[in-house]
Amino acid sequence: MSPNTWVIEMPTQKTRLHPYPRRISPYRTPSVNRNAFSHEARPPPPPPPLPKTLEHPVFEDIRTIMSVLKASGLMPIYEQLSSYKVGPPTKTNEFYSFFVRGVVHALTIFNVYSLFTPSSAQLFYSYRETDNVNQWIELLLCILTYTLTVFVCARNTKNVLRVMNEILQLDEEVRRRFGANLSQNFSFSVKYLVGITACQTYIIVLKIYAVEGVITPTSYVLLAFYAVQNGLTATYIVFASALLRIVYIRFHFINQLLNGYTYVQQQRRKGGNRRTTAAPSLMEHFPEDSLFIYRMHNKLLRIYKGINDCCNLILVSFLGYSFYTVTTNCYNLFVQITAKGMVSSNILQWCFAWLCMHVSLLALLSRSCGLTTREANATSQILARVYAKSKEYQNIIDKFLTKSIKQEVQFTAYGFFAIDNSTLFKIFSAVTTYLVILIQFKQLEDSKVEDHVQEQPQT
């Protein structure tokens, strides 16, 4: 027996009133077998069949964003083996993904080469050396982020399929036991996809109108690929956030199920009489449910860690790129507002479009990570409030609690820092610090220009 095996002794003095597993959803959906946490049995009707047009009840709401990632080679074009299982891509689909990634890398090399040619100067010209350096660093970070995203996605093809299959198998078990479909409306993914497309299109149009003279074909290719790189990287961040929301819903489900055995819930079902002990009927199914919750919790933790392993390098690169983009655009806004000449509406619109896209993505990622992490760590807190008068039930709680306390989870950016609700605040704190440094460099350049102007009449 392995040292991590969890053994629970089932009570022997009671017999089950029904030989089949209970199918009660804590979400107050129509129960299939019994009312929640009661012992009144009813004959279980057969579960409703899934519609033929529904591929996967879990991923149906993010089908649009998954289609974009499949077409761009960032996600494998998997085969549907059943309603709750996906298989590896065929040779044709695998070759398509390989071809798309090859084209992407070829365009990346072409764009990096184009940056060092005089033809690209018309796109990144400004009047200050600080502005030039910031634009070049921002562009190189964009290329690095997308290239790293393509490499990581190609390497983690099997891991992504494994995570998807584990989610589908977990949902199949929940549906078989409780008759509930743990799905939720993820319409935010489509909204973000439309917003990303609109922002990138608007930014490129502004850039084209701002260029003086005739734009060369090389500049058009550079601008188009620059927009595609930004759009697909942002799309993958939305996809990762949607996966985290899926895991959050399942953590919330088992926490709701476990919360039904807490002392407060037991008192409510007994009518608020605190002098009476817990009714045996309220706890007789606790051993079975605790085993199910413990097994499901461990699977969700494994899925949670799998998503983190698939995205950690991408998150590090994206957060660095997003931080620098927010900083440079805030700096450009400051320069425009404090400029003595006429304010450029083109630059203001450019900056606001970039800020809206990146701030919304950072907020989405931080909130999704924070919700999932909080719900994963809440299981041990709910378990500590479970009230069991019987010694056998209390032993189960103690063993479960000992395991849960040791499993503090965090969603990290390759282990450098945790991503949660406070990440957005930390990023803006760093932006403020770096913005002060950039403003000091600008003031230094302005003072040098003024000194040079004052020296000319004297000579």
Protein backbone atom coordinates (compact mmCIF):
# COMPACT_ATOMS: atom_id res chain seq x y z
CA MET A 1 0.00 0.00 0.00
CA SER A 2 1.41 3.37 -0.96
CA PRO A 3 2.02 5.92 1.82
CA ASN A 4 -0.46 8.36 0.26
CA THR A 5 -3.34 5.89 0.37
CA TRP A 6 -6.29 7.16 2.37
CA VAL A 7 -8.21 4.42 4.21
CA ILE A 8 -11.61 5.00 5.78
CA GLU A 9 -13.42 2.44 7.85
CA MET A 10 -17.08 2.38 6.92
CA PRO A 11 -19.59 2.09 9.76
CA THR A 12 -20.92 -1.44 10.16
CA GLN A 13 -23.75 -0.95 12.58
CA LYS A 14 -26.03 0.55 9.92
CA THR A 15 -27.24 -0.78 6.65
CA ARG A 16 -27.95 1.28 3.58
CA LEU A 17 -31.58 1.93 2.74
CA HIS A 18 -30.78 1.92 -0.95
CA PRO A 19 -28.09 -0.14 -2.68
CA TYR A 20 -27.32 2.45 -5.36
CA PRO A 21 -25.19 5.56 -5.02
CA ARG A 22 -26.99 8.75 -4.18
CA ARG A 23 -27.50 11.26 -6.93
CA ILE A 24 -28.21 14.59 -5.28
CA SER A 25 -26.89 17.86 -6.57
CA PRO A 26 -26.17 20.63 -4.04
CA TYR A 27 -27.13 23.14 -6.75
CA ARG A 28 -30.85 22.48 -6.20
CA THR A 29 -31.28 20.95 -9.63
CA PRO A 30 -33.96 18.28 -10.01
CA SER A 31 -32.65 15.34 -8.03
CA VAL A 32 -32.39 11.96 -9.65
CA ASN A 33 -32.39 9.74 -6.60
CA ARG A 34 -32.97 11.58 -3.31
CA ASN A 35 -33.45 15.03 -1.91
CA ALA A 36 -30.21 16.62 -0.79
CA PHE A 37 -28.81 14.89 2.31
CA SER A 38 -32.01 13.04 3.09
CA HIS A 39 -32.65 9.31 3.30
CA GLU A 40 -35.98 9.21 1.49
CA ALA A 41 -35.38 7.11 -1.61
CA ARG A 42 -37.16 7.26 -4.91
CA PRO A 43 -36.70 5.06 -7.95
CA PRO A 44 -34.01 6.65 -10.13
CA PRO A 45 -35.22 7.60 -13.61
CA PRO A 46 -32.78 7.15 -16.48
CA PRO A 47 -30.57 10.21 -17.12
CA PRO A 48 -31.67 12.36 -20.05
CA PRO A 49 -29.67 11.69 -23.21
CA LEU A 50 -27.24 14.30 -24.45
CA PRO A 51 -28.17 16.12 -27.63
CA LYS A 52 -26.38 14.83 -30.69
CA THR A 53 -25.24 18.29 -31.67
CA LEU A 54 -23.55 18.86 -28.31
CA GLU A 55 -19.90 17.83 -28.49
CA HIS A 56 -18.89 18.42 -24.91
CA PRO A 57 -21.20 19.95 -22.29
CA VAL A 58 -18.15 21.50 -20.60
CA PHE A 59 -16.42 23.13 -23.56
CA GLU A 60 -19.50 24.05 -25.60
CA ASP A 61 -19.51 27.65 -24.34
CA ILE A 62 -15.87 28.22 -25.30
CA ARG A 63 -16.12 26.47 -28.67
CA THR A 64 -15.54 29.73 -30.60
CA ILE A 65 -12.32 30.61 -28.86
CA MET A 66 -11.10 27.02 -29.11
CA SER A 67 -11.75 27.08 -32.86
CA VAL A 68 -9.54 30.17 -33.20
CA LEU A 69 -6.74 28.49 -31.27
CA LYS A 70 -7.04 25.33 -33.36
CA ALA A 71 -6.88 27.30 -36.61
CA SER A 72 -3.79 29.17 -35.42
CA GLY A 73 -1.94 26.03 -34.31
CA LEU A 74 -1.98 26.96 -30.61
CA MET A 75 -4.29 24.07 -29.73
CA PRO A 76 -4.40 20.51 -31.09
CA ILE A 77 -7.27 19.64 -33.43
CA TYR A 78 -8.39 16.70 -31.31
CA GLU A 79 -10.72 13.89 -32.27
CA GLN A 80 -14.01 13.38 -30.42
CA LEU A 81 -14.13 9.76 -29.26
CA SER A 82 -17.29 10.13 -27.16
CA SER A 83 -19.26 12.77 -25.29
CA TYR A 84 -16.79 12.58 -22.41
CA LYS A 85 -13.52 11.72 -24.11
CA VAL A 86 -11.26 13.29 -26.72
CA GLY A 87 -8.42 11.66 -28.60
CA PRO A 88 -5.16 12.83 -30.19
CA PRO A 89 -5.27 14.61 -33.56
CA THR A 90 -5.04 12.69 -36.78
CA LYS A 91 -1.92 12.80 -38.95
CA THR A 92 -3.56 15.34 -41.27
CA ASN A 93 -4.55 17.67 -38.43
CA GLU A 94 -1.17 17.24 -36.79
CA PHE A 95 0.56 18.18 -40.06
CA TYR A 96 -1.71 21.24 -40.38
CA SER A 97 -0.75 22.47 -36.90
CA PHE A 98 2.92 21.81 -37.66
CA PHE A 99 2.66 23.75 -40.93
CA VAL A 100 0.96 26.74 -39.29
CA ARG A 101 3.60 26.88 -36.56
CA GLY A 102 6.32 26.74 -39.23
CA VAL A 103 4.77 29.68 -41.07
CA VAL A 104 4.57 31.61 -37.80
CA HIS A 105 8.25 31.07 -37.03
CA ALA A 106 9.21 32.04 -40.59
CA LEU A 107 7.24 35.30 -40.29
CA THR A 108 8.82 35.96 -36.90
CA ILE A 109 12.31 35.66 -38.37
CA PHE A 110 11.29 37.91 -41.26
CA ASN A 111 9.90 40.57 -38.91
CA VAL A 112 12.97 40.52 -36.67
CA TYR A 113 15.13 40.99 -39.75
CA SER A 114 12.88 43.80 -40.99
CA LEU A 115 13.32 45.69 -37.74
CA PHE A 116 17.00 46.15 -38.54
CA THR A 117 16.34 47.50 -42.03
CA PRO A 118 15.75 51.19 -42.85
CA SER A 119 12.26 50.45 -44.21
CA SER A 120 10.84 49.87 -40.69
CA ALA A 121 11.96 53.28 -39.44
CA GLN A 122 8.76 54.92 -40.71
CA LEU A 123 6.69 52.86 -38.26
CA PHE A 124 8.73 53.49 -35.10
CA TYR A 125 10.05 56.99 -35.46
CA SER A 126 9.68 59.51 -32.64
CA TYR A 127 11.37 62.69 -31.47
CA ARG A 128 13.03 61.34 -28.32
CA GLU A 129 15.57 58.60 -27.77
CA THR A 130 13.63 57.30 -24.75
CA ASP A 131 10.51 56.83 -26.87
CA ASN A 132 12.46 54.95 -29.54
CA VAL A 133 13.95 52.55 -27.00
CA ASN A 134 10.56 51.92 -25.39
CA GLN A 135 8.91 51.13 -28.73
CA TRP A 136 11.64 48.72 -29.75
CA ILE A 137 11.57 46.90 -26.41
CA GLU A 138 7.77 46.65 -26.54
CA LEU A 139 7.85 45.21 -30.05
CA LEU A 140 10.56 42.68 -29.19
CA LEU A 141 8.61 41.61 -26.10
CA CYS A 142 5.54 41.06 -28.28
CA ILE A 143 7.53 38.86 -30.68
CA LEU A 144 9.12 36.96 -27.80
CA THR A 145 5.78 36.39 -26.06
CA TYR A 146 4.03 34.99 -29.11
CA THR A 147 7.01 32.86 -30.17
CA LEU A 148 7.22 31.40 -26.69
CA THR A 149 3.45 30.79 -26.72
CA VAL A 150 3.76 28.80 -29.96
CA PHE A 151 6.68 26.74 -28.62
CA VAL A 152 4.97 25.96 -25.30
CA CYS A 153 1.66 25.04 -26.95
CA ALA A 154 3.43 22.67 -29.34
CA ARG A 155 5.29 21.03 -26.47
CA ASN A 156 2.21 20.70 -24.23
CA THR A 157 -0.17 19.17 -26.78
CA LYS A 158 -0.52 15.90 -24.86
CA ASN A 159 -0.82 17.70 -21.52
CA VAL A 160 -3.69 19.87 -22.81
CA LEU A 161 -5.56 16.80 -24.04
CA ARG A 162 -4.95 15.07 -20.71
CA VAL A 163 -6.39 18.05 -18.79
CA MET A 164 -9.45 18.14 -21.05
CA ASN A 165 -10.05 14.39 -20.62
CA GLU A 166 -9.73 14.65 -16.83
CA ILE A 167 -12.32 17.44 -16.76
CA LEU A 168 -14.66 15.42 -18.99
CA GLN A 169 -14.25 12.25 -16.91
CA LEU A 170 -14.89 14.18 -13.72
CA ASP A 171 -18.08 15.64 -15.19
CA GLU A 172 -19.18 12.22 -16.34
CA GLU A 173 -18.81 10.91 -12.80
CA VAL A 174 -20.75 13.85 -11.36
CA ARG A 175 -23.52 13.39 -13.92
CA ARG A 176 -23.75 9.67 -13.24
CA ARG A 177 -23.88 10.19 -9.47
CA PHE A 178 -25.89 13.41 -9.11
CA GLY A 179 -27.58 13.87 -12.47
CA ALA A 180 -26.16 17.39 -12.78
CA ASN A 181 -24.32 19.06 -15.64
CA LEU A 182 -21.63 21.31 -14.18
CA SER A 183 -21.61 23.80 -17.02
CA GLN A 184 -21.94 27.54 -16.96
CA ASN A 185 -22.34 30.32 -19.49
CA PHE A 186 -18.86 31.45 -20.56
CA SER A 187 -20.08 34.15 -22.90
CA PHE A 188 -17.34 36.42 -21.59
CA SER A 189 -14.86 34.52 -23.79
CA VAL A 190 -16.71 35.54 -26.97
CA LYS A 191 -17.01 39.11 -25.73
CA TYR A 192 -13.28 39.25 -25.05
CA LEU A 193 -12.56 37.75 -28.46
CA VAL A 194 -14.65 40.43 -30.17
CA GLY A 195 -13.03 43.13 -28.04
CA ILE A 196 -9.51 41.91 -28.85
CA THR A 197 -10.28 41.88 -32.57
CA ALA A 198 -11.79 45.36 -32.44
CA CYS A 199 -8.87 46.80 -30.46
CA GLN A 200 -6.22 45.33 -32.75
CA THR A 201 -8.02 46.50 -35.88
CA TYR A 202 -8.46 49.99 -34.48
CA ILE A 203 -4.80 50.17 -33.41
CA ILE A 204 -3.52 49.13 -36.84
CA VAL A 205 -5.79 51.65 -38.59
CA LEU A 206 -4.51 54.41 -36.30
CA LYS A 207 -0.92 53.37 -36.99
CA ILE A 208 -1.45 53.42 -40.76
CA TYR A 209 -3.00 56.89 -40.67
CA ALA A 210 -0.14 58.17 -38.49
CA VAL A 211 2.59 57.11 -40.94
CA GLU A 212 3.79 59.86 -43.25
CA GLY A 213 4.41 58.98 -46.85
CA VAL A 214 3.84 55.71 -48.67
CA ILE A 215 3.89 52.58 -46.55
CA THR A 216 6.08 49.84 -47.94
CA PRO A 217 4.82 46.24 -48.33
CA THR A 218 7.30 45.16 -45.67
CA SER A 219 5.73 47.59 -43.20
CA TYR A 220 2.26 46.23 -44.01
CA VAL A 221 3.42 42.68 -43.30
CA LEU A 222 5.06 43.82 -40.08
CA LEU A 223 1.92 45.61 -38.90
CA ALA A 224 -0.42 42.74 -39.83
CA PHE A 225 1.70 40.11 -38.13
CA TYR A 226 2.16 42.37 -35.11
CA ALA A 227 -1.64 42.57 -34.74
CA VAL A 228 -2.01 38.79 -35.18
CA GLN A 229 0.66 38.13 -32.55
CA ASN A 230 -1.02 40.38 -30.01
CA GLY A 231 -4.48 39.03 -30.78
CA LEU A 232 -3.59 35.33 -30.52
CA THR A 233 -1.56 35.77 -27.35
CA ALA A 234 -4.48 37.61 -25.76
CA THR A 235 -6.87 34.90 -27.00
CA TYR A 236 -4.80 32.20 -25.29
CA ILE A 237 -4.94 34.15 -22.02
CA VAL A 238 -8.74 34.24 -22.28
CA PHE A 239 -8.74 30.48 -22.94
CA ALA A 240 -6.58 29.84 -19.85
CA SER A 241 -8.95 32.01 -17.78
CA ALA A 242 -11.93 30.03 -19.06
CA LEU A 243 -10.27 26.75 -18.03
CA LEU A 244 -9.71 28.16 -14.56
CA ARG A 245 -13.38 29.17 -14.35
CA ILE A 246 -14.34 25.60 -15.25
CA VAL A 247 -12.19 24.27 -12.41
CA TYR A 248 -13.61 26.90 -10.05
CA ILE A 249 -17.18 25.74 -10.71
CA ARG A 250 -16.23 22.14 -9.84
CA PHE A 251 -14.41 23.16 -6.66
CA HIS A 252 -17.50 25.15 -5.70
CA PHE A 253 -19.69 22.11 -6.33
CA ILE A 254 -17.81 19.83 -3.92
CA ASN A 255 -17.61 22.62 -1.34
CA GLN A 256 -21.37 23.04 -1.50
CA LEU A 257 -21.79 19.30 -1.12
CA LEU A 258 -19.47 19.26 1.89
CA ASN A 259 -21.11 22.33 3.37
CA GLY A 260 -24.34 20.34 3.76
CA TYR A 261 -22.70 18.39 6.59
CA THR A 262 -21.56 21.42 8.58
CA TYR A 263 -22.98 22.10 12.03
CA VAL A 264 -25.02 25.11 10.86
CA GLN A 265 -26.68 23.19 8.02
CA GLN A 266 -27.46 20.27 10.32
CA GLN A 267 -29.16 22.62 12.78
CA ARG A 268 -31.23 24.18 10.03
CA ARG A 269 -32.48 20.81 8.83
CA LYS A 270 -33.37 19.88 12.41
CA GLY A 271 -35.41 23.04 12.80
CA GLY A 272 -32.87 25.02 14.83
CA ASN A 273 -33.03 22.87 17.98
CA ARG A 274 -29.42 23.00 19.22
CA ARG A 275 -29.97 20.69 22.23
CA THR A 276 -30.59 17.62 20.16
CA THR A 277 -27.68 15.67 18.75
CA ALA A 278 -27.09 15.21 15.05
CA ALA A 279 -29.65 12.86 13.56
CA PRO A 280 -28.09 9.67 12.25
CA SER A 281 -29.94 10.05 8.95
CA LEU A 282 -28.10 13.30 8.31
CA MET A 283 -24.68 11.67 8.60
CA GLU A 284 -25.23 8.10 7.47
CA HIS A 285 -24.08 8.85 3.92
CA PHE A 286 -21.15 10.99 5.01
CA PRO A 287 -18.50 8.21 4.59
CA GLU A 288 -19.54 7.62 0.99
CA ASP A 289 -19.81 11.31 0.17
CA SER A 290 -16.52 12.10 1.87
CA LEU A 291 -14.75 9.49 -0.25
CA PHE A 292 -16.30 10.99 -3.38
CA ILE A 293 -15.40 14.55 -2.33
CA TYR A 294 -11.85 13.57 -1.44
CA ARG A 295 -11.34 11.78 -4.76
CA MET A 296 -12.88 14.64 -6.73
CA HIS A 297 -10.85 17.22 -4.81
CA ASN A 298 -7.61 15.42 -5.62
CA LYS A 299 -8.55 15.21 -9.30
CA LEU A 300 -9.34 18.92 -9.38
CA LEU A 301 -6.02 19.74 -7.75
CA ARG A 302 -4.28 17.66 -10.40
CA ILE A 303 -6.21 19.47 -13.14
CA TYR A 304 -5.42 22.81 -11.51
CA LYS A 305 -1.71 22.00 -11.45
CA GLY A 306 -1.88 20.68 -15.03
CA ILE A 307 -3.31 23.98 -16.28
CA ASN A 308 -0.62 25.86 -14.40
CA ASP A 309 2.13 23.68 -15.91
CA CYS A 310 0.78 24.26 -19.42
CA CYS A 311 0.57 28.04 -19.02
CA ASN A 312 3.32 29.11 -16.59
CA LEU A 313 5.96 30.12 -19.15
CA ILE A 314 3.35 31.87 -21.28
CA LEU A 315 2.06 33.75 -18.23
CA VAL A 316 5.54 34.96 -17.25
CA SER A 317 6.19 36.30 -20.73
CA PHE A 318 2.71 37.79 -21.14
CA LEU A 319 2.75 39.53 -17.75
CA GLY A 320 6.16 41.05 -18.55
CA TYR A 321 4.98 42.22 -21.96
CA SER A 322 1.69 43.52 -20.60
CA PHE A 323 3.48 45.36 -17.79
CA TYR A 324 5.79 47.08 -20.25
CA THR A 325 2.96 47.94 -22.65
CA VAL A 326 0.86 49.50 -19.90
CA THR A 327 3.89 51.45 -18.68
CA THR A 328 4.86 52.85 -22.08
CA ASN A 329 1.32 53.85 -22.94
CA CYS A 330 0.88 55.58 -19.58
CA TYR A 331 4.15 57.37 -20.28
CA ASN A 332 2.96 58.43 -23.74
CA LEU A 333 -0.25 59.75 -22.22
CA PHE A 334 1.77 61.76 -19.70
CA VAL A 335 3.95 63.20 -22.47
CA GLN A 336 0.89 64.20 -24.51
CA ILE A 337 -0.89 65.78 -21.56
CA THR A 338 2.16 67.77 -20.41
CA ALA A 339 3.32 68.75 -23.91
CA LYS A 340 3.40 72.46 -24.64
CA GLY A 341 2.39 71.95 -28.25
CA MET A 342 -0.81 70.53 -29.71
CA VAL A 343 -2.03 67.21 -28.29
CA SER A 344 -2.15 64.40 -30.86
CA SER A 345 -5.56 62.72 -30.83
CA ASN A 346 -4.10 59.80 -32.78
CA ILE A 347 -1.61 58.97 -30.01
CA LEU A 348 -4.26 59.40 -27.30
CA GLN A 349 -6.59 56.94 -29.03
CA TRP A 350 -3.69 54.53 -29.58
CA CYS A 351 -2.77 54.61 -25.88
CA PHE A 352 -6.33 54.21 -24.64
CA ALA A 353 -6.93 51.24 -26.95
CA TRP A 354 -3.81 49.45 -25.67
CA LEU A 355 -4.63 50.22 -22.04
CA CYS A 356 -8.22 48.97 -22.35
CA MET A 357 -7.13 45.66 -23.87
CA HIS A 358 -4.26 44.87 -21.51
CA VAL A 359 -5.93 46.06 -18.31
CA SER A 360 -9.05 44.00 -19.08
CA LEU A 361 -6.92 40.90 -19.77
CA LEU A 362 -4.95 41.37 -16.55
CA ALA A 363 -8.17 41.83 -14.59
CA LEU A 364 -9.70 38.68 -16.14
CA LEU A 365 -6.62 36.57 -15.47
CA SER A 366 -6.22 37.84 -11.90
CA ARG A 367 -9.88 37.29 -11.04
CA SER A 368 -10.01 33.79 -12.54
CA CYS A 369 -6.86 32.71 -10.70
CA GLY A 370 -8.02 34.29 -7.46
CA LEU A 371 -11.48 32.70 -7.52
CA THR A 372 -10.15 29.23 -8.30
CA THR A 373 -7.37 29.38 -5.71
CA ARG A 374 -9.72 30.64 -3.01
CA GLU A 375 -12.29 27.94 -3.73
CA ALA A 376 -9.61 25.22 -3.76
CA ASN A 377 -8.30 26.30 -0.36
CA ALA A 378 -11.81 26.69 1.08
CA THR A 379 -12.38 22.92 1.22
CA SER A 380 -10.32 22.45 4.38
CA GLN A 381 -12.05 25.42 6.02
CA ILE A 382 -15.50 23.96 5.32
CA LEU A 383 -14.34 20.54 6.46
CA ALA A 384 -13.26 21.98 9.81
CA ARG A 385 -16.89 23.05 10.40
CA VAL A 386 -18.33 19.60 9.76
CA TYR A 387 -20.00 18.32 12.91
CA ALA A 388 -20.01 14.58 13.61
CA LYS A 389 -21.05 13.18 16.97
CA SER A 390 -19.96 9.65 16.12
CA LYS A 391 -16.33 8.74 16.62
CA GLU A 392 -16.24 6.91 13.29
CA TYR A 393 -17.40 9.97 11.42
CA GLN A 394 -14.97 12.18 13.30
CA ASN A 395 -12.07 9.92 12.30
CA ILE A 396 -13.03 10.43 8.67
CA ILE A 397 -13.06 14.20 9.17
CA ASP A 398 -9.67 14.16 10.89
CA LYS A 399 -8.04 12.13 8.13
CA PHE A 400 -9.57 14.25 5.39
CA LEU A 401 -8.63 17.46 7.21
CA THR A 402 -5.04 16.33 7.72
CA LYS A 403 -4.66 15.74 4.00
CA SER A 404 -6.42 18.97 2.99
CA ILE A 405 -4.43 21.26 5.28
CA LYS A 406 -1.17 20.16 3.66
CA GLN A 407 -2.44 21.01 0.17
CA GLU A 408 -2.18 24.80 0.04
CA VAL A 409 -2.47 25.61 -3.67
CA GLN A 410 -1.37 28.62 -5.69
CA PHE A 411 -1.49 29.49 -9.35
CA THR A 412 1.98 30.84 -10.12
CA ALA A 413 3.86 32.37 -13.03
CA TYR A 414 6.54 29.66 -13.28
CA GLY A 415 7.01 29.84 -9.52
CA PHE A 416 8.19 33.46 -9.53
CA PHE A 417 5.03 34.85 -7.93
CA ALA A 418 1.43 33.85 -7.28
CA ILE A 419 -1.33 35.14 -9.53
CA ASP A 420 -4.46 36.14 -7.62
CA ASN A 421 -6.71 39.12 -7.04
CA SER A 422 -3.78 41.20 -5.76
CA THR A 423 -1.73 40.75 -8.95
CA LEU A 424 -3.38 43.67 -10.73
CA PHE A 425 -2.54 45.98 -7.82
CA LYS A 426 1.07 44.76 -7.76
CA ILE A 427 1.45 45.34 -11.49
CA PHE A 428 0.14 48.89 -11.24
CA SER A 429 2.49 49.55 -8.33
CA ALA A 430 5.40 48.44 -10.52
CA VAL A 431 4.05 50.52 -13.42
CA THR A 432 4.01 53.61 -11.21
CA THR A 433 7.62 53.04 -10.15
CA TYR A 434 8.88 52.54 -13.70
CA LEU A 435 6.79 55.46 -14.94
CA VAL A 436 8.59 57.76 -12.51
CA ILE A 437 11.93 56.55 -13.91
CA LEU A 438 10.83 57.22 -17.50
CA ILE A 439 9.62 60.70 -16.58
CA GLN A 440 12.99 61.46 -15.01
CA PHE A 441 14.75 60.38 -18.23
CA LYS A 442 12.42 62.65 -20.20
CA GLN A 443 13.17 65.60 -17.96
CA LEU A 444 16.89 64.92 -18.37
CA GLU A 445 16.56 64.95 -22.17
CA ASP A 446 14.51 68.15 -22.06
CA SER A 447 17.12 69.86 -19.90
CA LYS A 448 19.87 68.87 -22.33
CA VAL A 449 17.88 70.32 -25.22
CA GLU A 450 17.31 73.58 -23.35
CA ASP A 451 21.01 73.86 -22.49
CA HIS A 452 21.93 73.29 -26.12
CA VAL A 453 19.47 75.98 -27.27
CA GLN A 454 20.85 78.49 -24.74
CA GLU A 455 24.45 77.83 -25.83
CA GLN A 456 23.77 78.52 -29.51
CA PRO A 457 23.20 82.33 -29.26
CA GLN A 458 26.32 82.71 -27.13
CA THR A 459 28.48 81.05 -29.76
